[in-house]
Protein backbone atom coordinates (compact mmCIF):
# COMPACT_ATOMS: atom_id res chain seq x y z
CA MET A 1 -7.85 21.48 9.22
CA SER A 2 -11.06 21.76 7.33
CA LYS A 3 -13.36 24.73 7.71
CA GLN A 4 -16.19 22.47 8.84
CA PHE A 5 -14.02 21.00 11.62
CA ILE A 6 -13.14 24.46 12.88
CA VAL A 7 -16.78 25.55 12.78
CA SER A 8 -17.76 22.36 14.67
CA ILE A 9 -15.25 23.04 17.43
CA ALA A 10 -16.33 26.68 17.64
CA CYS A 11 -19.95 25.57 18.02
CA TRP A 12 -19.10 23.18 20.86
CA VAL A 13 -17.04 25.84 22.65
CA LEU A 14 -19.91 28.32 22.41
CA PHE A 15 -22.36 25.64 23.55
CA PHE A 16 -20.38 24.89 26.69
CA PHE A 17 -19.87 28.52 27.59
CA SER A 18 -23.42 29.63 26.82
CA CYS A 19 -25.33 26.92 28.63
CA GLY A 20 -24.03 28.13 32.01
CA ILE A 21 -22.99 26.07 34.98
CA PRO A 22 -25.71 25.14 37.49
CA GLU A 23 -25.06 26.39 41.03
CA ASN A 24 -25.01 22.89 42.50
CA THR A 25 -21.99 21.71 40.40
CA SER A 26 -18.33 22.45 40.41
CA ASN A 27 -16.84 25.16 38.15
CA SER A 28 -15.21 22.64 35.79
CA LEU A 29 -16.48 22.06 32.28
CA ASP A 30 -17.32 18.61 30.96
CA PHE A 31 -16.01 17.79 27.50
CA SER A 32 -16.92 14.11 27.57
CA GLY A 33 -19.21 14.38 24.57
CA VAL A 34 -16.85 16.19 22.21
CA ASP A 35 -15.03 13.05 20.96
CA GLN A 36 -18.37 11.41 20.29
CA PHE A 37 -19.60 14.56 18.49
CA LEU A 38 -16.54 14.63 16.33
CA GLU A 39 -17.00 10.96 15.36
CA ILE A 40 -20.58 11.67 14.28
CA THR A 41 -19.47 14.84 12.47
CA ALA A 42 -16.76 12.90 10.61
CA ALA A 43 -19.34 10.31 9.45
CA LEU A 44 -21.65 13.06 8.23
CA GLU A 45 -18.85 14.85 6.41
CA HIS A 46 -18.19 11.64 4.52
CA ASP A 47 -21.93 11.40 3.55
CA THR A 48 -22.50 8.30 5.65
CA ASN A 49 -25.07 7.84 8.41
CA PRO A 50 -23.58 7.47 11.86
CA ASP A 51 -24.38 4.29 13.72
CA PRO A 52 -27.42 4.76 15.94
CA ALA A 53 -25.31 3.55 18.86
CA ASP A 54 -23.01 6.59 18.33
CA TRP A 55 -25.98 8.90 18.65
CA GLU A 56 -27.12 7.14 21.88
CA THR A 57 -23.62 7.43 23.34
CA LEU A 58 -23.68 11.16 22.60
CA PHE A 59 -27.13 11.63 24.09
CA GLU A 60 -25.99 9.84 27.32
CA THR A 61 -23.11 12.23 27.99
CA PRO A 62 -23.44 14.67 30.93
CA GLY A 63 -23.11 17.73 28.71
CA TYR A 64 -26.07 16.66 26.50
CA SER A 65 -28.09 15.90 29.64
CA MET A 66 -27.32 19.44 30.96
CA LEU A 67 -28.35 20.91 27.62
CA THR A 68 -31.75 19.16 27.51
CA LYS A 69 -32.32 19.95 31.21
CA SER A 70 -31.69 23.62 30.63
CA GLU A 71 -33.91 23.62 27.55
CA PHE A 72 -36.92 21.78 28.98
CA ASP A 73 -36.94 22.83 32.69
CA ASN A 74 -38.99 25.94 33.25
């Protein structure tokens, strides 16, 4: 495995454990965006631009939604 791949996975794991779990949800973690993130990362590692649809798919995942909600809700 490449060093960048391992760093990417480590970042996602830290992201999911650091963002916390809202009280009104179950205690399970949602990894639905990881595959999409890895596809985008692979494109970037090959010095190509990911398809804009790939970004949109990532942004529509529940994990990304939770991240933006925790960042912008005060």
